[in-house]
N, C-alpha and C. Protein backbone atom coordinates (compact mmCIF):
# COMPACT_ATOMS: atom_id res chain seq x y z
N MET A 1 -13.22 9.86 -10.88
CA MET A 1 -12.42 8.80 -10.32
C MET A 1 -12.45 7.64 -11.29
N GLY A 2 -11.80 6.55 -10.94
CA GLY A 2 -11.77 5.44 -11.87
C GLY A 2 -11.39 4.14 -11.21
N ILE A 3 -11.34 3.13 -12.01
CA ILE A 3 -10.96 1.80 -11.56
C ILE A 3 -9.70 1.41 -12.32
N SER A 4 -8.79 0.73 -11.64
CA SER A 4 -7.55 0.29 -12.26
C SER A 4 -7.34 -1.17 -11.92
N LYS A 5 -6.74 -1.90 -12.84
CA LYS A 5 -6.49 -3.32 -12.64
C LYS A 5 -5.01 -3.54 -12.31
N ILE A 6 -4.74 -4.42 -11.37
CA ILE A 6 -3.37 -4.76 -11.01
C ILE A 6 -2.83 -5.73 -12.05
N THR A 7 -1.65 -5.44 -12.59
CA THR A 7 -1.05 -6.30 -13.61
C THR A 7 -0.38 -7.51 -12.98
N ARG A 8 0.09 -8.42 -13.82
CA ARG A 8 0.76 -9.61 -13.30
C ARG A 8 2.04 -9.27 -12.55
N ASN A 9 2.59 -8.09 -12.78
CA ASN A 9 3.77 -7.61 -12.05
C ASN A 9 3.38 -6.78 -10.83
N TYR A 10 2.09 -6.84 -10.46
CA TYR A 10 1.54 -6.12 -9.30
C TYR A 10 1.69 -4.60 -9.44
N GLN A 11 1.54 -4.12 -10.65
CA GLN A 11 1.57 -2.69 -10.91
C GLN A 11 0.17 -2.23 -11.26
N LEU A 12 -0.08 -0.93 -11.07
CA LEU A 12 -1.35 -0.39 -11.50
C LEU A 12 -1.14 1.00 -12.06
N THR A 13 -2.05 1.43 -12.90
CA THR A 13 -1.99 2.75 -13.49
C THR A 13 -3.05 3.61 -12.81
N LEU A 14 -2.62 4.77 -12.34
CA LEU A 14 -3.58 5.70 -11.74
C LEU A 14 -4.31 6.42 -12.87
N PRO A 15 -5.63 6.44 -12.81
CA PRO A 15 -6.39 7.12 -13.87
C PRO A 15 -5.99 8.59 -14.01
N LYS A 16 -6.09 9.09 -15.24
CA LYS A 16 -5.66 10.45 -15.56
C LYS A 16 -6.33 11.50 -14.68
N ASP A 17 -7.65 11.36 -14.46
CA ASP A 17 -8.34 12.37 -13.65
C ASP A 17 -7.83 12.38 -12.21
N VAL A 18 -7.49 11.21 -11.67
CA VAL A 18 -6.94 11.13 -10.31
C VAL A 18 -5.58 11.81 -10.26
N ARG A 19 -4.73 11.50 -11.24
CA ARG A 19 -3.40 12.13 -11.30
C ARG A 19 -3.51 13.64 -11.39
N LYS A 20 -4.45 14.10 -12.19
CA LYS A 20 -4.63 15.54 -12.39
C LYS A 20 -5.12 16.22 -11.10
N ILE A 21 -6.09 15.62 -10.44
CA ILE A 21 -6.64 16.20 -9.21
C ILE A 21 -5.55 16.33 -8.13
N VAL A 22 -4.74 15.28 -7.99
CA VAL A 22 -3.71 15.25 -6.95
C VAL A 22 -2.45 15.98 -7.39
N GLY A 23 -2.28 16.15 -8.69
CA GLY A 23 -1.09 16.83 -9.20
C GLY A 23 0.11 15.90 -9.30
N LEU A 24 -0.14 14.63 -9.60
CA LEU A 24 0.96 13.67 -9.74
C LEU A 24 1.56 13.75 -11.14
N ARG A 25 2.88 13.66 -11.18
CA ARG A 25 3.60 13.65 -12.46
C ARG A 25 4.59 12.51 -12.47
N GLU A 26 5.04 12.14 -13.64
CA GLU A 26 6.03 11.07 -13.76
C GLU A 26 7.24 11.39 -12.88
N GLY A 27 7.66 10.39 -12.11
CA GLY A 27 8.82 10.55 -11.23
C GLY A 27 8.46 10.95 -9.81
N ASP A 28 7.22 11.39 -9.58
CA ASP A 28 6.80 11.75 -8.22
C ASP A 28 6.82 10.50 -7.33
N GLU A 29 7.09 10.70 -6.08
CA GLU A 29 7.04 9.60 -5.12
C GLU A 29 5.70 9.64 -4.40
N VAL A 30 5.18 8.45 -4.10
CA VAL A 30 3.95 8.33 -3.33
C VAL A 30 4.21 7.44 -2.13
N MET A 31 3.42 7.62 -1.10
CA MET A 31 3.52 6.80 0.09
C MET A 31 2.24 5.98 0.19
N LEU A 32 2.39 4.67 0.43
CA LEU A 32 1.25 3.79 0.58
C LEU A 32 1.13 3.40 2.04
N THR A 33 -0.07 3.55 2.58
CA THR A 33 -0.32 3.15 3.96
C THR A 33 -1.55 2.23 3.96
N VAL A 34 -1.56 1.32 4.92
CA VAL A 34 -2.68 0.38 5.05
C VAL A 34 -3.24 0.51 6.45
N GLU A 35 -4.55 0.72 6.53
CA GLU A 35 -5.21 0.81 7.82
C GLU A 35 -6.60 0.21 7.69
N ASN A 36 -6.88 -0.77 8.53
CA ASN A 36 -8.17 -1.45 8.51
C ASN A 36 -8.52 -2.00 7.12
N GLY A 37 -7.52 -2.55 6.44
CA GLY A 37 -7.73 -3.15 5.13
C GLY A 37 -7.90 -2.15 4.00
N LYS A 38 -7.70 -0.88 4.27
CA LYS A 38 -7.85 0.16 3.26
C LYS A 38 -6.47 0.71 2.89
N ILE A 39 -6.17 0.74 1.59
CA ILE A 39 -4.90 1.26 1.10
C ILE A 39 -5.09 2.73 0.74
N THR A 40 -4.19 3.55 1.24
CA THR A 40 -4.22 4.98 0.93
C THR A 40 -2.92 5.34 0.21
N ILE A 41 -3.04 6.02 -0.91
CA ILE A 41 -1.88 6.48 -1.66
C ILE A 41 -1.82 7.99 -1.49
N THR A 42 -0.69 8.48 -0.99
CA THR A 42 -0.52 9.90 -0.73
C THR A 42 0.71 10.41 -1.46
N LYS A 43 0.59 11.53 -2.12
CA LYS A 43 1.73 12.13 -2.80
C LYS A 43 2.75 12.55 -1.74
N SER A 44 3.98 12.08 -1.91
CA SER A 44 5.03 12.44 -0.96
C SER A 44 5.48 13.87 -1.21
N VAL A 45 5.61 14.59 -0.14
CA VAL A 45 6.10 15.95 -0.22
C VAL A 45 7.32 16.02 0.67
N GLY A 46 8.47 16.24 0.08
CA GLY A 46 9.70 16.33 0.86
C GLY A 46 10.26 14.97 1.21
N ASP A 47 10.84 14.87 2.36
CA ASP A 47 11.56 13.69 2.80
C ASP A 47 10.61 12.58 3.26
N SER A 48 10.63 11.44 2.58
CA SER A 48 9.75 10.32 2.91
C SER A 48 10.00 9.78 4.32
N ILE A 49 11.23 9.78 4.74
CA ILE A 49 11.55 9.26 6.07
C ILE A 49 10.92 10.15 7.14
N ARG A 50 11.04 11.44 6.98
CA ARG A 50 10.42 12.36 7.95
C ARG A 50 8.90 12.24 7.92
N ALA A 51 8.35 12.04 6.72
CA ALA A 51 6.90 11.94 6.58
C ALA A 51 6.34 10.71 7.29
N THR A 52 7.13 9.65 7.38
CA THR A 52 6.66 8.42 8.01
C THR A 52 7.10 8.29 9.47
N ALA A 53 7.86 9.24 9.96
CA ALA A 53 8.33 9.18 11.34
C ALA A 53 7.13 9.15 12.29
N GLY A 54 7.16 8.21 13.21
CA GLY A 54 6.10 8.09 14.21
C GLY A 54 4.87 7.35 13.73
N ILE A 55 4.93 6.75 12.56
CA ILE A 55 3.75 6.09 12.00
C ILE A 55 3.28 4.92 12.88
N TRP A 56 4.20 4.32 13.64
CA TRP A 56 3.85 3.16 14.47
C TRP A 56 3.50 3.55 15.91
N LYS A 57 3.53 4.83 16.25
CA LYS A 57 3.38 5.23 17.65
C LYS A 57 2.05 4.80 18.28
N ASP A 58 0.98 4.75 17.52
CA ASP A 58 -0.31 4.36 18.07
C ASP A 58 -0.66 2.90 17.80
N MET A 59 0.26 2.17 17.20
CA MET A 59 0.01 0.77 16.89
C MET A 59 0.22 -0.08 18.14
N LYS A 60 -0.54 -1.16 18.24
CA LYS A 60 -0.43 -2.06 19.38
C LYS A 60 0.73 -3.03 19.23
N GLU A 61 1.29 -3.10 18.04
CA GLU A 61 2.38 -4.03 17.77
C GLU A 61 3.54 -3.29 17.12
N THR A 62 4.71 -3.90 17.15
CA THR A 62 5.87 -3.31 16.50
C THR A 62 5.76 -3.55 15.00
N GLY A 63 6.57 -2.86 14.23
CA GLY A 63 6.59 -3.06 12.78
C GLY A 63 6.93 -4.50 12.43
N GLU A 64 7.85 -5.08 13.18
CA GLU A 64 8.25 -6.47 12.94
C GLU A 64 7.10 -7.44 13.23
N GLU A 65 6.38 -7.20 14.31
CA GLU A 65 5.23 -8.06 14.65
C GLU A 65 4.13 -7.92 13.59
N TYR A 66 3.91 -6.70 13.14
CA TYR A 66 2.91 -6.46 12.10
C TYR A 66 3.29 -7.18 10.81
N GLN A 67 4.55 -7.09 10.44
CA GLN A 67 5.03 -7.77 9.23
C GLN A 67 4.83 -9.28 9.34
N ARG A 68 5.15 -9.86 10.50
CA ARG A 68 4.94 -11.30 10.70
C ARG A 68 3.47 -11.67 10.55
N LYS A 69 2.59 -10.84 11.13
CA LYS A 69 1.16 -11.10 11.06
C LYS A 69 0.68 -11.08 9.60
N ILE A 70 1.10 -10.09 8.84
CA ILE A 70 0.71 -9.97 7.43
C ILE A 70 1.22 -11.17 6.64
N ARG A 71 2.49 -11.54 6.84
CA ARG A 71 3.05 -12.69 6.12
C ARG A 71 2.33 -13.98 6.47
N LYS A 72 1.96 -14.14 7.74
CA LYS A 72 1.23 -15.33 8.16
C LYS A 72 -0.12 -15.40 7.48
N GLY A 73 -0.78 -14.25 7.38
CA GLY A 73 -2.08 -14.19 6.70
C GLY A 73 -1.96 -14.57 5.24
N TRP A 74 -0.92 -14.09 4.57
CA TRP A 74 -0.71 -14.44 3.17
C TRP A 74 -0.40 -15.92 3.02
N SER A 75 0.35 -16.47 3.96
CA SER A 75 0.65 -17.91 3.90
C SER A 75 -0.63 -18.72 3.98
N ARG A 76 -1.56 -18.32 4.87
CA ARG A 76 -2.84 -19.03 4.98
C ARG A 76 -3.65 -18.90 3.70
N ARG A 77 -3.67 -17.70 3.11
CA ARG A 77 -4.41 -17.50 1.87
C ARG A 77 -3.84 -18.36 0.74
N LEU A 78 -2.53 -18.37 0.62
CA LEU A 78 -1.90 -19.17 -0.43
C LEU A 78 -2.18 -20.65 -0.24
N LYS A 79 -2.15 -21.10 1.00
CA LYS A 79 -2.44 -22.50 1.29
C LYS A 79 -3.85 -22.85 0.84
N ARG A 80 -4.83 -21.98 1.16
CA ARG A 80 -6.21 -22.22 0.73
C ARG A 80 -6.33 -22.24 -0.79
N ILE A 81 -5.62 -21.35 -1.45
CA ILE A 81 -5.67 -21.28 -2.91
C ILE A 81 -5.12 -22.58 -3.51
N TYR A 82 -3.97 -23.03 -3.01
CA TYR A 82 -3.37 -24.25 -3.56
C TYR A 82 -4.21 -25.49 -3.24
N GLU A 83 -4.85 -25.50 -2.09
CA GLU A 83 -5.69 -26.65 -1.72
C GLU A 83 -6.95 -26.70 -2.58
N SER A 84 -7.45 -25.55 -3.00
CA SER A 84 -8.69 -25.53 -3.79
C SER A 84 -8.44 -25.89 -5.26
N ASN A 85 -7.19 -25.83 -5.70
CA ASN A 85 -6.88 -26.16 -7.10
C ASN A 85 -6.48 -27.56 -7.25
């Protein structure tokens, strides 16, 4: 496994051994999911829309409510960052 750094454009490079283990190649699509603060990257197989169907079924909030909550959290973080500088 390995460690990767996020670039200023918010990109990262997956280490070669990780790509090899999962079988990722240039042009492959991946799906990113977030649960309990943990990001999971999964190689997409087939139709991404079908793969994500029902992803919100066990969530206590709608996708729109979740998005608002995440954006509000980022707004608070940015405010703290700007206040500390």
